[in-house]
mmCIF file of all heavy atoms, coordinates in Angstrom:
data_MODEL
# 
_entry.id   MODEL 
# 
loop_
_atom_site.group_PDB 
_atom_site.id 
_atom_site.type_symbol 
_atom_site.label_atom_id 
_atom_site.label_alt_id 
_atom_site.label_comp_id 
_atom_site.label_asym_id 
_atom_site.label_entity_id 
_atom_site.label_seq_id 
_atom_site.pdbx_PDB_ins_code 
_atom_site.Cartn_x 
_atom_site.Cartn_y 
_atom_site.Cartn_z 
_atom_site.occupancy 
_atom_site.B_iso_or_equiv 
_atom_site.pdbx_formal_charge 
_atom_site.auth_seq_id 
_atom_site.auth_comp_id 
_atom_site.auth_asym_id 
_atom_site.auth_atom_id 
_atom_site.pdbx_PDB_model_num 
ATOM 1   N N   . PHE A 1 1  ? -5.147 -13.615 7.151   1.00 0.00 ? 1  PHE A N   1 
ATOM 2   C CA  . PHE A 1 1  ? -5.702 -12.311 7.571   1.00 0.00 ? 1  PHE A CA  1 
ATOM 3   C C   . PHE A 1 1  ? -4.570 -11.311 7.642   1.00 0.00 ? 1  PHE A C   1 
ATOM 4   O O   . PHE A 1 1  ? -4.834 -10.097 7.342   1.00 0.00 ? 1  PHE A O   1 
ATOM 5   C CB  . PHE A 1 1  ? -6.440 -12.437 8.952   1.00 0.00 ? 1  PHE A CB  1 
ATOM 6   C CG  . PHE A 1 1  ? -5.522 -12.466 10.172  1.00 0.00 ? 1  PHE A CG  1 
ATOM 7   C CD1 . PHE A 1 1  ? -5.212 -11.301 10.853  1.00 0.00 ? 1  PHE A CD1 1 
ATOM 8   C CD2 . PHE A 1 1  ? -5.107 -13.648 10.637  1.00 0.00 ? 1  PHE A CD2 1 
ATOM 9   C CE1 . PHE A 1 1  ? -4.450 -11.306 11.926  1.00 0.00 ? 1  PHE A CE1 1 
ATOM 10  C CE2 . PHE A 1 1  ? -4.287 -13.635 11.754  1.00 0.00 ? 1  PHE A CE2 1 
ATOM 11  C CZ  . PHE A 1 1  ? -3.968 -12.542 12.446  1.00 0.00 ? 1  PHE A CZ  1 
ATOM 12  N N   . ILE A 1 2  ? -3.316 -11.684 7.885   1.00 0.00 ? 2  ILE A N   1 
ATOM 13  C CA  . ILE A 1 2  ? -2.202 -10.767 7.861   1.00 0.00 ? 2  ILE A CA  1 
ATOM 14  C C   . ILE A 1 2  ? -1.890 -10.363 6.449   1.00 0.00 ? 2  ILE A C   1 
ATOM 15  O O   . ILE A 1 2  ? -1.638 -9.133  6.171   1.00 0.00 ? 2  ILE A O   1 
ATOM 16  C CB  . ILE A 1 2  ? -0.984 -11.362 8.543   1.00 0.00 ? 2  ILE A CB  1 
ATOM 17  C CG1 . ILE A 1 2  ? -1.264 -11.488 10.091  1.00 0.00 ? 2  ILE A CG1 1 
ATOM 18  C CG2 . ILE A 1 2  ? 0.320  -10.615 8.258   1.00 0.00 ? 2  ILE A CG2 1 
ATOM 19  C CD1 . ILE A 1 2  ? -1.197 -10.115 10.769  1.00 0.00 ? 2  ILE A CD1 1 
ATOM 20  N N   . LEU A 1 3  ? -1.911 -11.285 5.562   1.00 0.00 ? 3  LEU A N   1 
ATOM 21  C CA  . LEU A 1 3  ? -1.650 -10.982 4.159   1.00 0.00 ? 3  LEU A CA  1 
ATOM 22  C C   . LEU A 1 3  ? -2.663 -10.188 3.518   1.00 0.00 ? 3  LEU A C   1 
ATOM 23  O O   . LEU A 1 3  ? -2.334 -9.244  2.696   1.00 0.00 ? 3  LEU A O   1 
ATOM 24  C CB  . LEU A 1 3  ? -1.364 -12.265 3.373   1.00 0.00 ? 3  LEU A CB  1 
ATOM 25  C CG  . LEU A 1 3  ? -0.185 -13.081 3.826   1.00 0.00 ? 3  LEU A CG  1 
ATOM 26  C CD1 . LEU A 1 3  ? -0.141 -14.412 2.986   1.00 0.00 ? 3  LEU A CD1 1 
ATOM 27  C CD2 . LEU A 1 3  ? 1.111  -12.370 3.729   1.00 0.00 ? 3  LEU A CD2 1 
ATOM 28  N N   . ALA A 1 4  ? -3.966 -10.385 3.896   1.00 0.00 ? 4  ALA A N   1 
ATOM 29  C CA  . ALA A 1 4  ? -5.005 -9.580  3.357   1.00 0.00 ? 4  ALA A CA  1 
ATOM 30  C C   . ALA A 1 4  ? -4.891 -8.103  3.897   1.00 0.00 ? 4  ALA A C   1 
ATOM 31  O O   . ALA A 1 4  ? -5.062 -7.149  3.152   1.00 0.00 ? 4  ALA A O   1 
ATOM 32  C CB  . ALA A 1 4  ? -6.357 -10.158 3.801   1.00 0.00 ? 4  ALA A CB  1 
ATOM 33  N N   . ASP A 1 5  ? -4.589 -7.959  5.086   1.00 0.00 ? 5  ASP A N   1 
ATOM 34  C CA  . ASP A 1 5  ? -4.343 -6.693  5.695   1.00 0.00 ? 5  ASP A CA  1 
ATOM 35  C C   . ASP A 1 5  ? -3.143 -6.016  5.104   1.00 0.00 ? 5  ASP A C   1 
ATOM 36  O O   . ASP A 1 5  ? -3.191 -4.777  4.849   1.00 0.00 ? 5  ASP A O   1 
ATOM 37  C CB  . ASP A 1 5  ? -4.106 -6.784  7.214   1.00 0.00 ? 5  ASP A CB  1 
ATOM 38  C CG  . ASP A 1 5  ? -4.015 -5.536  7.921   1.00 0.00 ? 5  ASP A CG  1 
ATOM 39  O OD1 . ASP A 1 5  ? -5.148 -4.908  8.155   1.00 0.00 ? 5  ASP A OD1 1 
ATOM 40  O OD2 . ASP A 1 5  ? -2.967 -4.993  8.235   1.00 0.00 ? 5  ASP A OD2 1 
ATOM 41  N N   . LEU A 1 6  ? -2.122 -6.672  4.763   1.00 0.00 ? 6  LEU A N   1 
ATOM 42  C CA  . LEU A 1 6  ? -0.948 -6.111  4.154   1.00 0.00 ? 6  LEU A CA  1 
ATOM 43  C C   . LEU A 1 6  ? -1.325 -5.580  2.694   1.00 0.00 ? 6  LEU A C   1 
ATOM 44  O O   . LEU A 1 6  ? -0.920 -4.505  2.363   1.00 0.00 ? 6  LEU A O   1 
ATOM 45  C CB  . LEU A 1 6  ? 0.073  -7.266  3.896   1.00 0.00 ? 6  LEU A CB  1 
ATOM 46  C CG  . LEU A 1 6  ? 1.464  -6.805  3.219   1.00 0.00 ? 6  LEU A CG  1 
ATOM 47  C CD1 . LEU A 1 6  ? 2.208  -6.015  4.233   1.00 0.00 ? 6  LEU A CD1 1 
ATOM 48  C CD2 . LEU A 1 6  ? 2.266  -8.002  2.819   1.00 0.00 ? 6  LEU A CD2 1 
ATOM 49  N N   . ARG A 1 7  ? -2.175 -6.277  2.004   1.00 0.00 ? 7  ARG A N   1 
ATOM 50  C CA  . ARG A 1 7  ? -2.546 -5.832  0.601   1.00 0.00 ? 7  ARG A CA  1 
ATOM 51  C C   . ARG A 1 7  ? -3.466 -4.553  0.789   1.00 0.00 ? 7  ARG A C   1 
ATOM 52  O O   . ARG A 1 7  ? -3.222 -3.579  0.028   1.00 0.00 ? 7  ARG A O   1 
ATOM 53  C CB  . ARG A 1 7  ? -3.407 -6.844  -0.037  1.00 0.00 ? 7  ARG A CB  1 
ATOM 54  C CG  . ARG A 1 7  ? -2.553 -8.135  -0.556  1.00 0.00 ? 7  ARG A CG  1 
ATOM 55  C CD  . ARG A 1 7  ? -3.339 -8.998  -1.485  1.00 0.00 ? 7  ARG A CD  1 
ATOM 56  N NE  . ARG A 1 7  ? -4.388 -9.715  -0.702  1.00 0.00 ? 7  ARG A NE  1 
ATOM 57  C CZ  . ARG A 1 7  ? -4.369 -10.864 -0.117  1.00 0.00 ? 7  ARG A CZ  1 
ATOM 58  N NH1 . ARG A 1 7  ? -3.183 -11.438 -0.105  1.00 0.00 ? 7  ARG A NH1 1 
ATOM 59  N NH2 . ARG A 1 7  ? -5.346 -11.414 0.431   1.00 0.00 ? 7  ARG A NH2 1 
ATOM 60  N N   . ASP A 1 8  ? -4.312 -4.539  1.811   1.00 0.00 ? 8  ASP A N   1 
ATOM 61  C CA  . ASP A 1 8  ? -5.178 -3.358  1.995   1.00 0.00 ? 8  ASP A CA  1 
ATOM 62  C C   . ASP A 1 8  ? -4.359 -2.159  2.412   1.00 0.00 ? 8  ASP A C   1 
ATOM 63  O O   . ASP A 1 8  ? -4.596 -1.054  1.939   1.00 0.00 ? 8  ASP A O   1 
ATOM 64  C CB  . ASP A 1 8  ? -6.217 -3.574  3.035   1.00 0.00 ? 8  ASP A CB  1 
ATOM 65  C CG  . ASP A 1 8  ? -7.253 -4.617  2.627   1.00 0.00 ? 8  ASP A CG  1 
ATOM 66  O OD1 . ASP A 1 8  ? -7.359 -4.915  1.280   1.00 0.00 ? 8  ASP A OD1 1 
ATOM 67  O OD2 . ASP A 1 8  ? -7.985 -5.156  3.413   1.00 0.00 ? 8  ASP A OD2 1 
ATOM 68  N N   . THR A 1 9  ? -3.324 -2.389  3.245   1.00 0.00 ? 9  THR A N   1 
ATOM 69  C CA  . THR A 1 9  ? -2.477 -1.252  3.678   1.00 0.00 ? 9  THR A CA  1 
ATOM 70  C C   . THR A 1 9  ? -1.687 -0.677  2.546   1.00 0.00 ? 9  THR A C   1 
ATOM 71  O O   . THR A 1 9  ? -1.567 0.483   2.366   1.00 0.00 ? 9  THR A O   1 
ATOM 72  C CB  . THR A 1 9  ? -1.547 -1.762  4.809   1.00 0.00 ? 9  THR A CB  1 
ATOM 73  O OG1 . THR A 1 9  ? -2.333 -2.323  5.885   1.00 0.00 ? 9  THR A OG1 1 
ATOM 74  C CG2 . THR A 1 9  ? -0.654 -0.629  5.331   1.00 0.00 ? 9  THR A CG2 1 
ATOM 75  N N   . ARG A 1 10 ? -1.150 -1.598  1.709   1.00 0.00 ? 10 ARG A N   1 
ATOM 76  C CA  . ARG A 1 10 ? -0.416 -1.165  0.545   1.00 0.00 ? 10 ARG A CA  1 
ATOM 77  C C   . ARG A 1 10 ? -1.243 -0.399  -0.461  1.00 0.00 ? 10 ARG A C   1 
ATOM 78  O O   . ARG A 1 10 ? -0.833 0.660   -0.885  1.00 0.00 ? 10 ARG A O   1 
ATOM 79  C CB  . ARG A 1 10 ? 0.240  -2.371  -0.226  1.00 0.00 ? 10 ARG A CB  1 
ATOM 80  C CG  . ARG A 1 10 ? 1.128  -1.978  -1.312  1.00 0.00 ? 10 ARG A CG  1 
ATOM 81  C CD  . ARG A 1 10 ? 1.653  -3.261  -2.164  1.00 0.00 ? 10 ARG A CD  1 
ATOM 82  N NE  . ARG A 1 10 ? 2.534  -4.032  -1.320  1.00 0.00 ? 10 ARG A NE  1 
ATOM 83  C CZ  . ARG A 1 10 ? 2.188  -5.320  -0.986  1.00 0.00 ? 10 ARG A CZ  1 
ATOM 84  N NH1 . ARG A 1 10 ? 1.069  -5.896  -1.362  1.00 0.00 ? 10 ARG A NH1 1 
ATOM 85  N NH2 . ARG A 1 10 ? 2.997  -6.112  -0.359  1.00 0.00 ? 10 ARG A NH2 1 
ATOM 86  N N   . ALA A 1 11 ? -2.496 -0.809  -0.642  1.00 0.00 ? 11 ALA A N   1 
ATOM 87  C CA  . ALA A 1 11 ? -3.355 -0.166  -1.514  1.00 0.00 ? 11 ALA A CA  1 
ATOM 88  C C   . ALA A 1 11 ? -3.703 1.294   -0.955  1.00 0.00 ? 11 ALA A C   1 
ATOM 89  O O   . ALA A 1 11 ? -3.728 2.212   -1.764  1.00 0.00 ? 11 ALA A O   1 
ATOM 90  C CB  . ALA A 1 11 ? -4.648 -0.902  -1.774  1.00 0.00 ? 11 ALA A CB  1 
ATOM 91  N N   . GLY A 1 12 ? -3.938 1.397   0.340   1.00 0.00 ? 12 GLY A N   1 
ATOM 92  C CA  . GLY A 1 12 ? -4.273 2.685   0.892   1.00 0.00 ? 12 GLY A CA  1 
ATOM 93  C C   . GLY A 1 12 ? -3.061 3.671   0.720   1.00 0.00 ? 12 GLY A C   1 
ATOM 94  O O   . GLY A 1 12 ? -3.246 4.834   0.490   1.00 0.00 ? 12 GLY A O   1 
ATOM 95  N N   . LEU A 1 13 ? -1.890 3.174   1.047   1.00 0.00 ? 13 LEU A N   1 
ATOM 96  C CA  . LEU A 1 13 ? -0.777 4.005   0.873   1.00 0.00 ? 13 LEU A CA  1 
ATOM 97  C C   . LEU A 1 13 ? -0.422 4.384   -0.509  1.00 0.00 ? 13 LEU A C   1 
ATOM 98  O O   . LEU A 1 13 ? 0.036  5.482   -0.779  1.00 0.00 ? 13 LEU A O   1 
ATOM 99  C CB  . LEU A 1 13 ? 0.505  3.327   1.524   1.00 0.00 ? 13 LEU A CB  1 
ATOM 100 C CG  . LEU A 1 13 ? 0.470  3.256   3.106   1.00 0.00 ? 13 LEU A CG  1 
ATOM 101 C CD1 . LEU A 1 13 ? 1.620  2.434   3.596   1.00 0.00 ? 13 LEU A CD1 1 
ATOM 102 C CD2 . LEU A 1 13 ? 0.604  4.643   3.713   1.00 0.00 ? 13 LEU A CD2 1 
ATOM 103 N N   . CYS A 1 14 ? -0.678 3.524   -1.405  1.00 0.00 ? 14 CYS A N   1 
ATOM 104 C CA  . CYS A 1 14 ? -0.460 3.808   -2.831  1.00 0.00 ? 14 CYS A CA  1 
ATOM 105 C C   . CYS A 1 14 ? -1.389 4.965   -3.287  1.00 0.00 ? 14 CYS A C   1 
ATOM 106 O O   . CYS A 1 14 ? -0.963 5.870   -4.080  1.00 0.00 ? 14 CYS A O   1 
ATOM 107 C CB  . CYS A 1 14 ? -0.724 2.543   -3.664  1.00 0.00 ? 14 CYS A CB  1 
ATOM 108 S SG  . CYS A 1 14 ? -0.380 2.708   -5.458  1.00 0.00 ? 14 CYS A SG  1 
ATOM 109 N N   . ALA A 1 15 ? -2.587 4.889   -2.763  1.00 0.00 ? 15 ALA A N   1 
ATOM 110 C CA  . ALA A 1 15 ? -3.536 6.071   -3.098  1.00 0.00 ? 15 ALA A CA  1 
ATOM 111 C C   . ALA A 1 15 ? -3.107 7.335   -2.541  1.00 0.00 ? 15 ALA A C   1 
ATOM 112 O O   . ALA A 1 15 ? -3.370 8.430   -3.178  1.00 0.00 ? 15 ALA A O   1 
ATOM 113 C CB  . ALA A 1 15 ? -4.914 5.680   -2.570  1.00 0.00 ? 15 ALA A CB  1 
ATOM 114 N N   . SER A 1 16 ? -2.407 7.396   -1.380  1.00 0.00 ? 16 SER A N   1 
ATOM 115 C CA  . SER A 1 16 ? -1.935 8.543   -0.767  1.00 0.00 ? 16 SER A CA  1 
ATOM 116 C C   . SER A 1 16 ? -0.630 9.075   -1.366  1.00 0.00 ? 16 SER A C   1 
ATOM 117 O O   . SER A 1 16 ? -0.459 10.272  -1.589  1.00 0.00 ? 16 SER A O   1 
ATOM 118 C CB  . SER A 1 16 ? -1.714 8.339   0.754   1.00 0.00 ? 16 SER A CB  1 
ATOM 119 O OG  . SER A 1 16 ? -2.876 7.979   1.411   1.00 0.00 ? 16 SER A OG  1 
ATOM 120 N N   . LEU A 1 17 ? 0.247  8.141   -1.698  1.00 0.00 ? 17 LEU A N   1 
ATOM 121 C CA  . LEU A 1 17 ? 1.591  8.512   -2.072  1.00 0.00 ? 17 LEU A CA  1 
ATOM 122 C C   . LEU A 1 17 ? 1.935  8.357   -3.554  1.00 0.00 ? 17 LEU A C   1 
ATOM 123 O O   . LEU A 1 17 ? 2.818  8.977   -4.119  1.00 0.00 ? 17 LEU A O   1 
ATOM 124 C CB  . LEU A 1 17 ? 2.640  7.655   -1.275  1.00 0.00 ? 17 LEU A CB  1 
ATOM 125 C CG  . LEU A 1 17 ? 2.720  7.840   0.262   1.00 0.00 ? 17 LEU A CG  1 
ATOM 126 C CD1 . LEU A 1 17 ? 3.567  6.754   0.825   1.00 0.00 ? 17 LEU A CD1 1 
ATOM 127 C CD2 . LEU A 1 17 ? 3.230  9.244   0.532   1.00 0.00 ? 17 LEU A CD2 1 
ATOM 128 N N   . GLY A 1 18 ? 1.125  7.481   -4.194  1.00 0.00 ? 18 GLY A N   1 
ATOM 129 C CA  . GLY A 1 18 ? 1.491  7.084   -5.572  1.00 0.00 ? 18 GLY A CA  1 
ATOM 130 C C   . GLY A 1 18 ? 2.496  5.948   -5.641  1.00 0.00 ? 18 GLY A C   1 
ATOM 131 O O   . GLY A 1 18 ? 3.241  5.744   -4.664  1.00 0.00 ? 18 GLY A O   1 
ATOM 132 N N   . ASP A 1 19 ? 2.509  5.241   -6.702  1.00 0.00 ? 19 ASP A N   1 
ATOM 133 C CA  . ASP A 1 19 ? 3.390  4.003   -6.756  1.00 0.00 ? 19 ASP A CA  1 
ATOM 134 C C   . ASP A 1 19 ? 4.825  4.276   -6.474  1.00 0.00 ? 19 ASP A C   1 
ATOM 135 O O   . ASP A 1 19 ? 5.535  3.557   -5.719  1.00 0.00 ? 19 ASP A O   1 
ATOM 136 C CB  . ASP A 1 19 ? 3.213  3.327   -8.193  1.00 0.00 ? 19 ASP A CB  1 
ATOM 137 C CG  . ASP A 1 19 ? 1.894  2.624   -8.284  1.00 0.00 ? 19 ASP A CG  1 
ATOM 138 O OD1 . ASP A 1 19 ? 1.377  2.167   -7.225  1.00 0.00 ? 19 ASP A OD1 1 
ATOM 139 O OD2 . ASP A 1 19 ? 1.504  2.434   -9.447  1.00 0.00 ? 19 ASP A OD2 1 
ATOM 140 N N   . GLU A 1 20 ? 5.379  5.320   -7.190  1.00 0.00 ? 20 GLU A N   1 
ATOM 141 C CA  . GLU A 1 20 ? 6.853  5.539   -7.164  1.00 0.00 ? 20 GLU A CA  1 
ATOM 142 C C   . GLU A 1 20 ? 7.312  5.892   -5.700  1.00 0.00 ? 20 GLU A C   1 
ATOM 143 O O   . GLU A 1 20 ? 8.262  5.425   -5.173  1.00 0.00 ? 20 GLU A O   1 
ATOM 144 C CB  . GLU A 1 20 ? 7.193  6.707   -8.125  1.00 0.00 ? 20 GLU A CB  1 
ATOM 145 C CG  . GLU A 1 20 ? 8.657  6.947   -8.248  1.00 0.00 ? 20 GLU A CG  1 
ATOM 146 C CD  . GLU A 1 20 ? 8.994  7.888   -9.380  1.00 0.00 ? 20 GLU A CD  1 
ATOM 147 O OE1 . GLU A 1 20 ? 8.213  8.155   -10.160 1.00 0.00 ? 20 GLU A OE1 1 
ATOM 148 O OE2 . GLU A 1 20 ? 10.135 8.471   -9.242  1.00 0.00 ? 20 GLU A OE2 1 
ATOM 149 N N   . THR A 1 21 ? 6.564  6.828   -5.084  1.00 0.00 ? 21 THR A N   1 
ATOM 150 C CA  . THR A 1 21 ? 6.936  7.279   -3.717  1.00 0.00 ? 21 THR A CA  1 
ATOM 151 C C   . THR A 1 21 ? 6.764  6.167   -2.752  1.00 0.00 ? 21 THR A C   1 
ATOM 152 O O   . THR A 1 21 ? 7.556  6.036   -1.856  1.00 0.00 ? 21 THR A O   1 
ATOM 153 C CB  . THR A 1 21 ? 6.089  8.526   -3.339  1.00 0.00 ? 21 THR A CB  1 
ATOM 154 O OG1 . THR A 1 21 ? 6.202  9.528   -4.291  1.00 0.00 ? 21 THR A OG1 1 
ATOM 155 C CG2 . THR A 1 21 ? 6.469  9.025   -1.951  1.00 0.00 ? 21 THR A CG2 1 
ATOM 156 N N   . LEU A 1 22 ? 5.697  5.419   -2.877  1.00 0.00 ? 22 LEU A N   1 
ATOM 157 C CA  . LEU A 1 22 ? 5.459  4.285   -1.967  1.00 0.00 ? 22 LEU A CA  1 
ATOM 158 C C   . LEU A 1 22 ? 6.639  3.332   -2.062  1.00 0.00 ? 22 LEU A C   1 
ATOM 159 O O   . LEU A 1 22 ? 7.113  2.775   -1.110  1.00 0.00 ? 22 LEU A O   1 
ATOM 160 C CB  . LEU A 1 22 ? 4.141  3.574   -2.342  1.00 0.00 ? 22 LEU A CB  1 
ATOM 161 C CG  . LEU A 1 22 ? 3.848  2.259   -1.638  1.00 0.00 ? 22 LEU A CG  1 
ATOM 162 C CD1 . LEU A 1 22 ? 3.834  2.421   -0.110  1.00 0.00 ? 22 LEU A CD1 1 
ATOM 163 C CD2 . LEU A 1 22 ? 2.535  1.660   -2.142  1.00 0.00 ? 22 LEU A CD2 1 
ATOM 164 N N   . GLU A 1 23 ? 7.084  2.943   -3.227  1.00 0.00 ? 23 GLU A N   1 
ATOM 165 C CA  . GLU A 1 23 ? 8.142  2.017   -3.481  1.00 0.00 ? 23 GLU A CA  1 
ATOM 166 C C   . GLU A 1 23 ? 9.425  2.567   -2.954  1.00 0.00 ? 23 GLU A C   1 
ATOM 167 O O   . GLU A 1 23 ? 10.186 1.695   -2.381  1.00 0.00 ? 23 GLU A O   1 
ATOM 168 C CB  . GLU A 1 23 ? 8.269  1.652   -4.932  1.00 0.00 ? 23 GLU A CB  1 
ATOM 169 C CG  . GLU A 1 23 ? 7.154  0.657   -5.433  1.00 0.00 ? 23 GLU A CG  1 
ATOM 170 C CD  . GLU A 1 23 ? 7.054  -0.498  -4.525  1.00 0.00 ? 23 GLU A CD  1 
ATOM 171 O OE1 . GLU A 1 23 ? 8.021  -1.212  -4.320  1.00 0.00 ? 23 GLU A OE1 1 
ATOM 172 O OE2 . GLU A 1 23 ? 5.877  -0.766  -4.120  1.00 0.00 ? 23 GLU A OE2 1 
ATOM 173 N N   . ARG A 1 24 ? 9.658  3.812   -3.005  1.00 0.00 ? 24 ARG A N   1 
ATOM 174 C CA  . ARG A 1 24 ? 10.943 4.387   -2.443  1.00 0.00 ? 24 ARG A CA  1 
ATOM 175 C C   . ARG A 1 24 ? 10.900 4.240   -0.942  1.00 0.00 ? 24 ARG A C   1 
ATOM 176 O O   . ARG A 1 24 ? 11.877 3.814   -0.323  1.00 0.00 ? 24 ARG A O   1 
ATOM 177 C CB  . ARG A 1 24 ? 11.063 5.855   -2.778  1.00 0.00 ? 24 ARG A CB  1 
ATOM 178 C CG  . ARG A 1 24 ? 11.633 6.125   -4.125  1.00 0.00 ? 24 ARG A CG  1 
ATOM 179 C CD  . ARG A 1 24 ? 12.298 7.574   -4.200  1.00 0.00 ? 24 ARG A CD  1 
ATOM 180 N NE  . ARG A 1 24 ? 11.275 8.521   -3.938  1.00 0.00 ? 24 ARG A NE  1 
ATOM 181 C CZ  . ARG A 1 24 ? 10.549 9.107   -4.781  1.00 0.00 ? 24 ARG A CZ  1 
ATOM 182 N NH1 . ARG A 1 24 ? 10.596 8.837   -6.063  1.00 0.00 ? 24 ARG A NH1 1 
ATOM 183 N NH2 . ARG A 1 24 ? 9.629  10.091  -4.431  1.00 0.00 ? 24 ARG A NH2 1 
# 
């Protein structure tokens, strides 16, 4: 459940910031 939440959080931030900014 923690890893699933991690994936969902990453996807949400990617939508807000874009891949490059999120990775920075």
